[in-house]
Amino acid sequence: MMLRLALLAAAAASVSATAPGVRASISSHALKYIVDTALPVVQKKFSTISIPNEDSKHGKVKVSISNGVCHLNSLGSGSLSPVPGQGIAGSIQGISVDCSAHIKAKLSIWPHPSCSFDVRGSVNGASAGLVIGVAETGGKPVLSSKSVSVNVGSFKLSFHGGVCGFVAKLINGIASLFFKNKVNHMIEKEVSSVLSQFINNDANAIISAIPLDIPLPVKAPYNIADVDFHLANAPAFATGYMGMDVVGSIVNSKTKAPAPFPAPTIPAWSNASAAHFLQIFLSPYVLESAVWTYQQAGLMEYTVKHTAIPAGFPVQLNTDALALIAPGIKTAFPGDFVDLHITMPQGKKATITASPAGVAASVPLNIEFNAVTASGDKNAFVLGCDFDGAIALKAETNSTTGFPMITGNLSYLKCPLSVVSSNVGAVDPGLADVLLNFVFSGLVTPFVNVLLNVGLPLPTTKGLTFRNFRLINGNGYVMVATDFTYVFPSLALDSNVNGGHSAEQLPYAPLLDGTPVEPAEMTVEEAESDEADASGDASFASGVTLLGVKRAAGHAPMLRGMN
């Protein structure tokens, strides 16, 4: 069916080509949300820090410090922000740590007095600074902990237990040095290690679990294409956001061949939507690459049987009626029916444009009028036209799966006809307008809209929920601005978690709530009473059961698939 999946791909909301076809940007607000959400999870990864025992002698006094332990109470709060040309800088403030140790002091001269007591140290204003690198490896973003610096600060000490008045000043000094030198260093090492491991291992495991080759969720034989969400190059950093160029081409899932034309230049950021967590700029290249991919696979075609035209329609698909358009067809094929075969010629390219008014599609087509004869179909003549339509896109959450989707609705505008060739003499294409307007508006467009309503899911992973969608039409692009929430996998993460689940668990293809299926056969009267008349408007798009129904006697059956 011509246009079927090409126009479905207009729903491809989060893609970019090497040029790129889509550009996505994560705002400073999103980074702030991410660090606030991650810190409680990171905090759970801290273990009790055991401080090695220490023995020392100070003049006539022997001092032993043992059973030293530290516990992290809180990581406080943090922030992340893009640093132009470098990466992401972060800070954590208000780190709270409690430590304790047992101290024993003994005088080495007779009568060898000794005492022992517990010392507790706490700090509530420790801080950490970090720099995160974001590179591209294998088309995926990869994080690295470039540097982590920790400043524990000064401990507030308190002593509990025995009275050591004879060495009180000495013990206080020794304990202060112990916390300042050894304990501080071990806390700094632990905080630095845990933060680095979380960035290098856990965060990358979550990112790696997000599938970036996503099949278009359609039925065979059209389930041959993937949307390539891989990065085209390394992320870039600017004031207020991190930008990512994504391949964003809709390609054959086996050959991965890209469309042989470049994507136009599109923006990376809109200050007007800076408050949103994520901005996605969609280029017309996404849809154009889909059309090209299906054209190369021989799937940009659509057959209209003569039985698809309602009996009461003024122009029927038979040689008697079509003699008004091509007088010679009645002589060449007397009394025969005629089927239409609509194709997108090889070498032709669809043109998709985006403006503040919306998305417009223009697809070159050939319409073959083929007489159905006893010896097989015979071509009578071929008309050509550019199918012009408007596509209204919408960003939403799928009500069945809960996944973020870009859906669309096609409105047929026009298809000015011209003669490409004829085997029956003169052809007046203007007289075919009524017939083909019905074919395009009453049959093709509603069926395409059933597919567009399926939409295309954005890359996601378990725990990630998009919200507050906003779709904006711009000059040369469509932008989706959105926020999100994320729930980290429970308890500690490790390298086997994969972000909470595997890619195979994501219900990308097929999405059963919207994929056209073969309905039970019914009469046209039953179908019309349940859904809508075949010549209905866009509301027909919801009537999936009309696609494939068999008409009762005296009525032509509705469209059945692609051929």
Protein backbone atom coordinates (compact mmCIF):
# COMPACT_ATOMS: atom_id res chain seq x y z
CA MET A 1 0.00 0.00 0.00
CA MET A 2 1.50 3.27 -1.09
CA LEU A 3 2.21 5.70 1.69
CA ARG A 4 1.20 3.23 4.32
CA LEU A 5 4.41 2.86 6.28
CA ALA A 6 6.04 5.96 4.91
CA LEU A 7 3.37 8.04 6.55
CA LEU A 8 3.44 5.87 9.63
CA ALA A 9 7.08 6.86 9.95
CA ALA A 10 6.00 10.46 10.30
CA ALA A 11 5.38 9.34 13.84
CA ALA A 12 9.11 8.74 14.27
CA ALA A 13 9.61 11.27 16.98
CA SER A 14 12.94 10.69 18.38
CA VAL A 15 15.44 10.07 15.67
CA SER A 16 18.34 11.81 13.96
CA ALA A 17 20.46 11.16 10.90
CA THR A 18 24.19 11.57 10.50
CA ALA A 19 23.39 15.05 9.22
CA PRO A 20 21.37 14.55 11.61
CA GLY A 21 17.71 13.70 11.17
CA VAL A 22 16.90 14.44 14.79
CA ARG A 23 18.71 16.34 17.49
CA ALA A 24 17.94 15.73 21.16
CA SER A 25 18.98 17.92 24.07
CA ILE A 26 18.91 17.25 27.80
CA SER A 27 18.47 20.40 29.85
CA SER A 28 20.11 21.50 33.08
CA HIS A 29 16.73 20.96 34.76
CA ALA A 30 16.86 17.30 33.71
CA LEU A 31 20.40 16.92 35.02
CA LYS A 32 19.33 18.41 38.35
CA TYR A 33 16.43 15.93 38.51
CA ILE A 34 18.76 13.05 37.64
CA VAL A 35 21.25 13.82 40.40
CA ASP A 36 18.47 14.30 42.97
CA THR A 37 16.99 10.94 41.99
CA ALA A 38 20.32 9.14 41.88
CA LEU A 39 21.80 10.27 45.20
CA PRO A 40 19.54 8.12 47.44
CA VAL A 41 20.45 5.10 45.28
CA VAL A 42 24.15 5.92 45.40
CA GLN A 43 23.95 6.34 49.16
CA LYS A 44 22.79 2.72 49.53
CA LYS A 45 25.98 1.57 47.84
CA PHE A 46 28.18 2.85 50.64
CA SER A 47 29.42 0.23 53.06
CA THR A 48 30.74 0.68 56.57
CA ILE A 49 34.27 2.05 56.45
CA SER A 50 36.61 0.18 58.78
CA ILE A 51 39.55 2.24 60.01
CA PRO A 52 42.81 0.31 60.62
CA ASN A 53 44.07 0.24 64.18
CA GLU A 54 46.84 2.62 65.07
CA ASP A 55 49.42 2.45 67.89
CA SER A 56 51.71 5.32 68.76
CA LYS A 57 54.01 6.49 71.56
CA HIS A 58 54.26 10.06 72.67
CA GLY A 59 56.98 10.46 75.24
CA LYS A 60 56.00 8.29 78.18
CA VAL A 61 52.47 7.68 76.88
CA LYS A 62 51.41 4.76 74.70
CA VAL A 63 48.19 5.34 72.74
CA SER A 64 46.16 2.68 70.90
CA ILE A 65 43.24 3.51 68.62
CA SER A 66 41.06 0.56 67.59
CA ASN A 67 37.60 -0.44 66.34
CA GLY A 68 37.36 2.63 64.13
CA VAL A 69 34.30 2.69 61.85
CA CYS A 70 32.48 5.31 59.80
CA HIS A 71 28.94 5.41 58.45
CA LEU A 72 27.57 7.68 55.74
CA ASN A 73 24.33 9.23 56.96
CA SER A 74 23.43 11.31 53.94
CA LEU A 75 24.83 12.43 50.62
CA GLY A 76 22.98 15.71 50.97
CA SER A 77 22.01 17.37 47.72
CA GLY A 78 23.72 17.78 44.40
CA SER A 79 23.73 19.47 41.04
CA LEU A 80 24.89 18.70 37.50
CA SER A 81 25.43 21.22 34.75
CA PRO A 82 26.87 21.12 31.23
CA VAL A 83 30.25 22.76 30.75
CA PRO A 84 30.59 24.10 27.17
CA GLY A 85 33.11 22.07 25.22
CA GLN A 86 34.03 19.82 28.15
CA GLY A 87 31.37 17.64 29.73
CA ILE A 88 29.18 17.69 32.81
CA ALA A 89 30.31 19.23 36.09
CA GLY A 90 28.71 18.19 39.34
CA SER A 91 28.79 19.01 42.99
CA ILE A 92 27.41 17.39 46.13
CA GLN A 93 26.89 19.46 49.25
CA GLY A 94 25.98 18.54 52.82
CA ILE A 95 27.52 15.07 53.01
CA SER A 96 27.01 13.77 56.55
CA VAL A 97 29.31 11.17 58.16
CA ASP A 98 29.50 9.70 61.68
CA CYS A 99 32.58 7.86 62.94
CA SER A 100 33.63 6.23 66.19
CA ALA A 101 36.74 4.63 67.66
CA HIS A 102 38.07 3.29 70.94
CA ILE A 103 41.15 4.93 72.45
CA LYS A 104 43.39 3.51 75.18
CA ALA A 105 46.19 5.49 76.79
CA LYS A 106 48.82 4.11 79.21
CA LEU A 107 51.68 5.85 80.97
CA SER A 108 54.91 3.83 80.67
CA ILE A 109 56.25 4.76 84.12
CA TRP A 110 55.19 3.36 87.47
CA PRO A 111 52.46 3.04 88.58
CA HIS A 112 51.48 2.78 84.87
CA PRO A 113 48.13 4.57 85.02
CA SER A 114 45.84 3.92 82.03
CA CYS A 115 42.44 4.86 80.77
CA SER A 116 40.21 4.03 77.83
CA PHE A 117 37.25 5.73 76.27
CA ASP A 118 35.28 6.13 73.04
CA VAL A 119 35.65 9.02 70.67
CA ARG A 120 32.96 10.02 68.21
CA GLY A 121 33.46 12.28 65.26
CA SER A 122 30.84 13.77 62.98
CA VAL A 123 30.87 16.05 59.98
CA ASN A 124 27.77 17.46 58.29
CA GLY A 125 29.21 19.76 55.67
CA ALA A 126 31.43 17.55 53.54
CA SER A 127 31.30 18.11 49.79
CA ALA A 128 32.37 16.54 46.52
CA GLY A 129 33.03 17.87 43.06
CA LEU A 130 33.05 15.75 39.94
CA VAL A 131 33.50 15.99 36.20
CA ILE A 132 31.68 13.48 33.99
CA GLY A 133 32.76 12.81 30.44
CA VAL A 134 30.19 11.68 27.87
CA ALA A 135 31.58 10.01 24.77
CA GLU A 136 30.12 7.95 21.94
CA THR A 137 31.04 4.28 21.62
CA GLY A 138 29.22 2.03 19.19
CA GLY A 139 26.53 4.65 18.73
CA LYS A 140 25.68 4.80 22.44
CA PRO A 141 26.55 7.46 25.00
CA VAL A 142 29.16 6.26 27.46
CA LEU A 143 29.81 8.05 30.74
CA SER A 144 33.18 8.24 32.45
CA SER A 145 34.23 9.65 35.79
CA LYS A 146 36.97 12.04 34.72
CA SER A 147 37.63 13.39 38.20
CA VAL A 148 36.15 13.28 41.69
CA SER A 149 37.40 15.52 44.48
CA VAL A 150 36.09 15.17 48.03
CA ASN A 151 36.44 17.66 50.86
CA VAL A 152 35.44 16.11 54.18
CA GLY A 153 36.24 19.13 56.30
CA SER A 154 36.73 19.17 60.08
CA PHE A 155 35.24 16.61 62.42
CA LYS A 156 33.48 17.61 65.59
CA LEU A 157 34.83 15.27 68.28
CA SER A 158 33.27 14.11 71.52
CA PHE A 159 34.73 11.76 74.14
CA HIS A 160 32.82 9.27 76.24
CA GLY A 161 34.01 6.98 79.02
CA GLY A 162 37.10 6.99 81.22
CA VAL A 163 38.76 10.09 82.63
CA CYS A 164 42.27 10.67 81.34
CA GLY A 165 42.97 14.00 82.91
CA PHE A 166 46.72 13.35 83.01
CA VAL A 167 46.88 13.13 79.19
CA ALA A 168 43.62 14.82 78.16
CA LYS A 169 45.28 17.46 76.04
CA LEU A 170 47.57 14.92 74.41
CA ILE A 171 44.72 12.51 73.62
CA ASN A 172 42.60 15.25 72.13
CA GLY A 173 45.45 16.20 69.83
CA ILE A 174 46.12 12.61 68.82
CA ALA A 175 42.43 11.98 68.08
CA SER A 176 42.20 15.17 66.04
CA LEU A 177 45.20 14.15 63.94
CA PHE A 178 43.80 10.63 63.56
CA PHE A 179 40.53 11.93 62.12
CA LYS A 180 42.20 14.65 60.07
CA ASN A 181 44.77 12.42 58.43
CA LYS A 182 43.61 8.83 58.35
CA VAL A 183 39.81 9.00 58.68
CA ASN A 184 39.44 11.93 56.31
CA HIS A 185 41.53 10.16 53.69
CA MET A 186 39.54 6.94 53.91
CA ILE A 187 36.22 8.75 53.65
CA GLU A 188 37.48 10.71 50.66
CA LYS A 189 38.63 7.49 49.04
CA GLU A 190 35.31 5.72 49.70
CA VAL A 191 33.15 8.59 48.42
CA SER A 192 35.32 8.99 45.33
CA SER A 193 35.26 5.24 44.64
CA VAL A 194 31.49 4.82 45.04
CA LEU A 195 30.68 7.86 42.88
CA SER A 196 33.11 6.74 40.17
CA GLN A 197 31.77 3.18 40.16
CA PHE A 198 28.20 4.38 39.95
CA ILE A 199 29.02 6.58 36.95
CA ASN A 200 31.28 4.10 35.16
CA ASN A 201 29.31 0.93 35.86
CA ASP A 202 25.75 1.41 37.08
CA ALA A 203 24.78 4.47 35.05
CA ASN A 204 26.31 2.99 31.90
CA ALA A 205 24.43 -0.28 32.49
CA ILE A 206 21.16 1.64 32.56
CA ILE A 207 22.04 3.55 29.39
CA SER A 208 23.23 0.40 27.64
CA ALA A 209 19.88 -1.31 28.31
CA ILE A 210 18.00 1.27 26.23
CA PRO A 211 17.40 -0.25 22.76
CA LEU A 212 18.43 2.07 19.94
CA ASP A 213 17.42 -0.08 16.96
CA ILE A 214 13.64 -0.17 17.21
CA PRO A 215 11.44 -1.93 14.63
CA LEU A 216 8.49 -0.08 13.20
CA PRO A 217 5.55 -1.78 14.98
CA VAL A 218 3.71 -3.01 11.89
CA LYS A 219 2.65 -6.35 10.46
CA ALA A 220 4.31 -8.47 7.77
CA PRO A 221 5.27 -7.94 5.04
CA TYR A 222 5.93 -4.37 6.12
CA ASN A 223 7.85 -5.19 9.28
CA ILE A 224 11.16 -4.76 7.46
CA ALA A 225 12.34 -1.44 8.87
CA ASP A 226 14.03 -0.18 12.01
CA VAL A 227 14.42 3.32 13.33
CA ASP A 228 18.09 3.92 14.05
CA PHE A 229 18.38 5.88 17.29
CA HIS A 230 22.16 5.52 17.60
CA LEU A 231 24.33 8.55 18.15
CA ALA A 232 25.89 9.96 15.02
CA ASN A 233 28.77 11.46 16.97
CA ALA A 234 29.80 12.38 20.49
CA PRO A 235 27.45 14.59 22.53
CA ALA A 236 28.13 18.31 22.63
CA PHE A 237 27.86 20.62 25.62
CA ALA A 238 26.54 24.15 25.72
CA THR A 239 25.26 26.50 28.37
CA GLY A 240 22.05 25.02 29.72
CA TYR A 241 22.00 21.70 27.84
CA MET A 242 23.77 18.64 26.50
CA GLY A 243 23.02 18.04 22.81
CA MET A 244 23.01 14.73 20.95
CA ASP A 245 22.91 14.10 17.21
CA VAL A 246 21.28 10.76 16.43
CA VAL A 247 21.41 8.80 13.16
CA GLY A 248 17.64 8.90 12.94
CA SER A 249 17.21 7.17 9.62
CA ILE A 250 14.49 4.60 9.05
CA VAL A 251 16.42 1.77 7.43
CA ASN A 252 15.96 -1.77 6.19
CA SER A 253 16.45 -3.96 9.25
CA LYS A 254 18.69 -6.36 7.30
CA THR A 255 20.73 -4.15 4.99
CA LYS A 256 20.83 -1.04 7.22
CA ALA A 257 21.22 0.96 4.01
CA PRO A 258 20.78 4.70 4.64
CA ALA A 259 18.81 6.95 2.31
CA PRO A 260 21.11 8.44 -0.36
CA PHE A 261 20.30 12.06 0.42
CA PRO A 262 21.29 14.35 3.29
CA ALA A 263 19.17 15.55 6.14
CA PRO A 264 18.53 19.29 6.35
CA THR A 265 19.96 21.41 9.13
CA ILE A 266 17.77 21.57 12.23
CA PRO A 267 18.21 23.33 15.58
CA ALA A 268 19.64 21.71 18.69
CA TRP A 269 17.95 23.84 21.34
CA SER A 270 15.07 26.21 21.96
CA ASN A 271 15.31 28.69 24.81
CA ALA A 272 11.53 28.94 24.78
CA SER A 273 11.32 25.31 25.98
CA ALA A 274 14.34 25.39 28.29
CA ALA A 275 12.20 24.53 31.31
CA HIS A 276 11.48 21.06 29.90
CA PHE A 277 13.81 18.17 30.63
CA LEU A 278 14.17 16.97 27.05
CA GLN A 279 13.86 18.58 23.61
CA ILE A 280 13.69 16.46 20.45
CA PHE A 281 13.93 18.13 17.04
CA LEU A 282 12.57 15.98 14.24
CA SER A 283 13.73 16.57 10.67
CA PRO A 284 11.67 15.79 7.55
CA TYR A 285 14.52 13.40 6.74
CA VAL A 286 12.99 10.82 9.08
CA LEU A 287 9.87 10.39 6.98
CA GLU A 288 11.72 10.80 3.70
CA SER A 289 14.12 8.00 4.64
CA ALA A 290 11.15 5.76 5.49
CA VAL A 291 9.58 6.33 2.09
CA TRP A 292 12.90 5.58 0.39
CA THR A 293 13.44 2.37 2.42
CA TYR A 294 10.01 0.98 1.58
CA GLN A 295 10.35 2.06 -2.02
CA GLN A 296 13.60 0.08 -2.31
CA ALA A 297 11.88 -2.94 -0.80
CA GLY A 298 9.09 -2.75 -3.41
CA LEU A 299 6.49 -1.98 -0.78
CA MET A 300 5.45 1.50 -1.86
CA GLU A 301 2.49 0.18 -3.82
CA TYR A 302 -1.22 -0.21 -3.36
CA THR A 303 -3.86 -2.10 -5.34
CA VAL A 304 -7.50 -1.02 -5.49
CA LYS A 305 -9.77 -3.78 -6.77
CA HIS A 306 -12.75 -2.77 -8.88
CA THR A 307 -14.96 -4.18 -6.13
CA ALA A 308 -13.71 -1.53 -3.69
CA ILE A 309 -15.79 1.21 -5.27
CA PRO A 310 -19.31 1.48 -3.76
CA ALA A 311 -22.09 0.57 -6.19
CA GLY A 312 -23.68 4.00 -5.93
CA PHE A 313 -20.48 5.89 -6.74
CA PRO A 314 -20.75 7.87 -10.02
CA VAL A 315 -17.57 6.42 -11.55
CA GLN A 316 -17.11 2.67 -11.52
CA LEU A 317 -13.96 0.71 -12.30
CA ASN A 318 -15.11 -0.84 -15.57
CA THR A 319 -14.35 -0.02 -19.18
CA ASP A 320 -17.84 1.31 -19.86
CA ALA A 321 -17.59 3.96 -17.14
CA LEU A 322 -13.93 4.76 -17.82
CA ALA A 323 -14.67 5.43 -21.49
CA LEU A 324 -15.51 8.97 -20.33
CA ILE A 325 -11.84 9.34 -19.39
CA ALA A 326 -10.26 7.23 -22.15
CA PRO A 327 -12.70 6.49 -24.99
CA GLY A 328 -10.44 3.81 -26.46
CA ILE A 329 -10.55 1.63 -23.36
CA LYS A 330 -14.08 0.42 -24.11
CA THR A 331 -13.05 -0.70 -27.57
CA ALA A 332 -9.79 -2.31 -26.45
CA PHE A 333 -11.31 -4.12 -23.47
CA PRO A 334 -15.09 -4.29 -23.93
CA GLY A 335 -17.11 -5.19 -20.85
CA ASP A 336 -14.09 -5.68 -18.57
CA PHE A 337 -13.52 -4.53 -15.04
CA VAL A 338 -10.50 -2.36 -14.23
CA ASP A 339 -8.22 -2.50 -11.18
CA LEU A 340 -5.89 0.27 -10.08
CA HIS A 341 -2.27 -0.36 -9.17
CA ILE A 342 -0.67 2.62 -7.46
CA THR A 343 3.11 2.76 -7.15
CA MET A 344 5.87 5.18 -6.30
CA PRO A 345 8.26 5.04 -9.27
CA GLN A 346 11.86 4.05 -8.59
CA GLY A 347 14.20 7.02 -8.69
CA LYS A 348 11.55 9.39 -7.40
CA LYS A 349 11.78 10.96 -3.94
CA ALA A 350 9.14 12.01 -1.46
CA THR A 351 9.32 15.59 -0.27
CA ILE A 352 8.39 16.33 3.31
CA THR A 353 8.30 19.87 4.61
CA ALA A 354 7.73 21.24 8.09
CA SER A 355 6.55 24.72 9.01
CA PRO A 356 4.69 26.41 11.86
CA ALA A 357 1.51 25.46 9.99
CA GLY A 358 2.34 21.74 10.22
CA VAL A 359 3.91 18.92 8.23
CA ALA A 360 3.23 18.53 4.50
CA ALA A 361 3.97 15.45 2.40
CA SER A 362 4.28 15.22 -1.36
CA VAL A 363 4.80 11.75 -2.81
CA PRO A 364 5.08 11.13 -6.58
CA LEU A 365 2.80 8.32 -7.73
CA ASN A 366 1.84 6.41 -10.83
CA ILE A 367 -1.72 5.06 -11.10
CA GLU A 368 -1.99 2.14 -13.49
CA PHE A 369 -5.46 1.42 -14.92
CA ASN A 370 -5.35 -2.31 -15.69
CA ALA A 371 -8.17 -4.11 -17.47
CA VAL A 372 -9.07 -7.43 -15.83
CA THR A 373 -9.27 -9.80 -18.80
CA ALA A 374 -9.66 -13.54 -19.15
CA SER A 375 -5.98 -13.79 -20.04
CA GLY A 376 -4.79 -11.62 -17.18
CA ASP A 377 -4.49 -7.95 -16.35
CA LYS A 378 -3.71 -5.64 -19.28
CA ASN A 379 -2.53 -2.09 -18.85
CA ALA A 380 -4.78 0.49 -20.48
CA PHE A 381 -3.13 3.71 -19.36
CA VAL A 382 -1.09 5.25 -16.57
CA LEU A 383 -1.73 8.54 -14.81
CA GLY A 384 0.77 10.32 -12.60
CA CYS A 385 0.36 12.74 -9.72
CA ASP A 386 2.02 14.08 -6.62
CA PHE A 387 0.00 12.99 -3.61
CA ASP A 388 -0.16 16.04 -1.37
CA GLY A 389 -1.25 15.62 2.23
CA ALA A 390 -0.96 17.26 5.62
CA ILE A 391 0.22 15.28 8.64
CA ALA A 392 -0.75 16.36 12.14
CA LEU A 393 1.59 14.81 14.69
CA LYS A 394 0.89 14.33 18.38
CA ALA A 395 3.10 13.28 21.29
CA GLU A 396 1.33 11.14 23.86
CA THR A 397 1.60 8.15 26.14
CA ASN A 398 0.09 4.95 24.78
CA SER A 399 -2.93 4.16 26.93
CA THR A 400 -2.37 0.41 26.72
CA THR A 401 1.39 0.03 27.08
CA GLY A 402 2.21 3.26 28.92
CA PHE A 403 5.00 3.95 26.46
CA PRO A 404 5.74 7.37 24.96
CA MET A 405 4.61 7.60 21.35
CA ILE A 406 4.49 9.99 18.44
CA THR A 407 1.24 9.47 16.56
CA GLY A 408 -0.15 11.17 13.50
CA ASN A 409 -3.16 11.87 11.35
CA LEU A 410 -3.06 12.33 7.58
CA SER A 411 -5.38 14.67 5.72
CA TYR A 412 -5.54 14.25 1.95
CA LEU A 413 -5.28 17.52 0.04
CA LYS A 414 -4.88 16.88 -3.67
CA CYS A 415 -3.17 14.86 -6.36
CA PRO A 416 -3.09 16.80 -9.68
CA LEU A 417 -3.24 14.26 -12.50
CA SER A 418 -1.27 13.99 -15.72
CA VAL A 419 -0.93 11.30 -18.39
CA VAL A 420 2.19 9.15 -18.14
CA SER A 421 1.39 6.64 -20.89
CA SER A 422 -1.56 5.11 -22.75
CA ASN A 423 -2.24 1.95 -24.71
CA VAL A 424 -5.78 3.01 -25.62
CA GLY A 425 -5.30 6.42 -27.19
CA ALA A 426 -6.33 9.76 -25.77
CA VAL A 427 -6.87 10.15 -22.01
CA ASP A 428 -8.43 13.12 -20.22
CA PRO A 429 -6.92 12.99 -16.69
CA GLY A 430 -9.18 15.74 -15.38
CA LEU A 431 -12.20 13.46 -15.65
CA ALA A 432 -10.51 10.96 -13.30
CA ASP A 433 -10.39 13.46 -10.44
CA VAL A 434 -13.66 12.35 -8.86
CA LEU A 435 -12.66 8.70 -8.86
CA LEU A 436 -9.13 9.17 -7.56
CA ASN A 437 -10.14 11.73 -4.97
CA PHE A 438 -12.41 9.06 -3.53
CA VAL A 439 -9.64 6.46 -3.68
CA PHE A 440 -7.16 8.71 -1.89
CA SER A 441 -9.50 10.32 0.62
CA GLY A 442 -11.96 7.48 1.21
CA LEU A 443 -9.71 4.43 1.09
CA VAL A 444 -6.02 5.21 1.34
CA THR A 445 -6.04 8.04 3.86
CA PRO A 446 -8.23 6.31 6.50
CA PHE A 447 -6.13 3.18 6.27
CA VAL A 448 -2.90 5.14 6.65
CA ASN A 449 -4.39 6.86 9.67
CA VAL A 450 -5.04 3.54 11.37
CA LEU A 451 -1.29 2.96 11.11
CA LEU A 452 -0.36 6.48 12.11
CA ASN A 453 -2.49 6.07 15.22
CA VAL A 454 -0.25 3.18 16.23
CA GLY A 455 2.61 5.64 16.39
CA LEU A 456 6.24 5.01 17.06
CA PRO A 457 7.67 4.49 20.56
CA LEU A 458 10.55 6.58 21.81
CA PRO A 459 13.59 4.77 23.22
CA THR A 460 12.95 4.02 26.86
CA THR A 461 13.74 1.61 29.65
CA LYS A 462 11.96 0.24 32.68
CA GLY A 463 11.29 2.92 35.24
CA LEU A 464 11.42 5.80 32.75
CA THR A 465 8.11 7.63 32.26
CA PHE A 466 7.64 10.62 29.97
CA ARG A 467 5.15 13.32 30.94
CA ASN A 468 4.06 16.85 30.00
CA PHE A 469 4.43 16.33 26.27
CA ARG A 470 4.40 19.43 24.11
CA LEU A 471 4.68 19.31 20.31
CA ILE A 472 5.70 22.42 18.37
CA ASN A 473 5.80 22.84 14.59
CA GLY A 474 8.72 24.94 13.42
CA ASN A 475 10.44 26.01 10.24
CA GLY A 476 12.05 22.83 8.94
CA TYR A 477 11.38 20.70 12.00
CA VAL A 478 8.90 19.37 14.53
CA MET A 479 9.97 19.68 18.15
CA VAL A 480 8.79 17.56 21.06
CA ALA A 481 9.48 19.00 24.50
CA THR A 482 8.84 16.73 27.46
CA ASP A 483 9.70 15.98 31.06
CA PHE A 484 10.23 12.56 32.60
CA THR A 485 10.44 10.67 35.84
CA TYR A 486 12.74 7.77 36.57
CA VAL A 487 12.63 5.10 39.25
CA PHE A 488 15.97 3.40 39.73
CA PRO A 489 16.03 -0.39 40.08
CA SER A 490 15.53 -1.32 43.71
CA LEU A 491 18.43 -1.61 46.08
CA ALA A 492 21.99 -1.94 44.82
CA LEU A 493 22.78 -1.91 41.14
CA ASP A 494 25.41 -4.10 39.57
CA SER A 495 26.70 -4.87 36.11
CA ASN A 496 24.00 -7.54 35.60
CA VAL A 497 21.04 -5.27 36.24
CA ASN A 498 20.83 -3.77 32.74
CA GLY A 499 18.76 -0.87 33.89
CA GLY A 500 16.14 -3.05 35.48
CA HIS A 501 15.24 -5.31 32.56
CA SER A 502 16.36 -6.45 29.15
CA ALA A 503 15.47 -4.90 25.83
CA GLU A 504 13.46 -7.99 24.89
CA GLN A 505 10.84 -7.12 27.48
CA LEU A 506 9.91 -3.85 25.79
CA PRO A 507 6.65 -4.22 23.81
CA TYR A 508 7.83 -2.40 20.69
CA ALA A 509 6.66 -4.64 17.85
CA PRO A 510 3.92 -5.28 17.31
CA LEU A 511 1.78 -3.00 19.42
CA LEU A 512 -1.40 -5.00 19.33
CA ASP A 513 -3.71 -2.17 20.37
CA GLY A 514 -3.19 -0.29 17.13
CA THR A 515 -1.85 -2.68 14.51
CA PRO A 516 -4.40 -3.34 11.75
CA VAL A 517 -5.64 -6.91 11.85
CA GLU A 518 -7.82 -9.04 9.65
CA PRO A 519 -11.32 -8.45 11.08
CA ALA A 520 -14.22 -10.79 11.01
CA GLU A 521 -16.14 -10.52 7.77
CA MET A 522 -19.38 -8.57 7.93
CA THR A 523 -21.78 -6.94 5.55
CA VAL A 524 -21.40 -3.29 4.73
CA GLU A 525 -24.65 -2.55 6.56
CA GLU A 526 -23.19 -4.08 9.74
CA ALA A 527 -19.93 -2.25 9.30
CA GLU A 528 -21.57 1.08 8.63
CA SER A 529 -23.87 0.77 11.60
CA ASP A 530 -20.94 -0.07 13.88
CA GLU A 531 -18.34 2.30 12.50
CA ALA A 532 -18.77 4.76 9.63
CA ASP A 533 -19.49 4.93 5.93
CA ALA A 534 -16.59 4.22 3.57
CA SER A 535 -16.53 7.80 2.39
CA GLY A 536 -16.35 9.18 5.93
CA ASP A 537 -13.83 11.68 7.16
CA ALA A 538 -10.97 11.31 9.64
CA SER A 539 -13.27 9.69 12.19
CA PHE A 540 -13.07 6.63 9.95
CA ALA A 541 -9.52 6.15 11.21
CA SER A 542 -10.82 4.62 14.42
CA GLY A 543 -12.85 2.04 12.52
CA VAL A 544 -10.23 -0.65 12.14
CA THR A 545 -12.95 -3.21 11.50
CA LEU A 546 -13.89 -1.48 8.27
CA LEU A 547 -10.54 -2.47 6.78
CA GLY A 548 -11.19 -5.79 5.15
CA VAL A 549 -14.97 -6.11 5.41
CA LYS A 550 -16.82 -7.82 2.63
CA ARG A 551 -19.72 -5.95 1.09
CA ALA A 552 -23.11 -7.54 0.68
CA ALA A 553 -24.65 -8.14 -2.73
CA GLY A 554 -24.87 -4.90 -4.63
CA HIS A 555 -21.98 -3.33 -2.73
CA ALA A 556 -18.30 -3.34 -3.57
CA PRO A 557 -16.12 -4.77 -0.78
CA MET A 558 -13.91 -2.39 1.09
CA LEU A 559 -10.14 -2.41 0.98
CA ARG A 560 -8.40 -5.66 1.94
CA GLY A 561 -4.75 -5.06 2.73
CA MET A 562 -2.26 -4.10 0.09
CA ASN A 563 -2.95 -6.39 -2.76
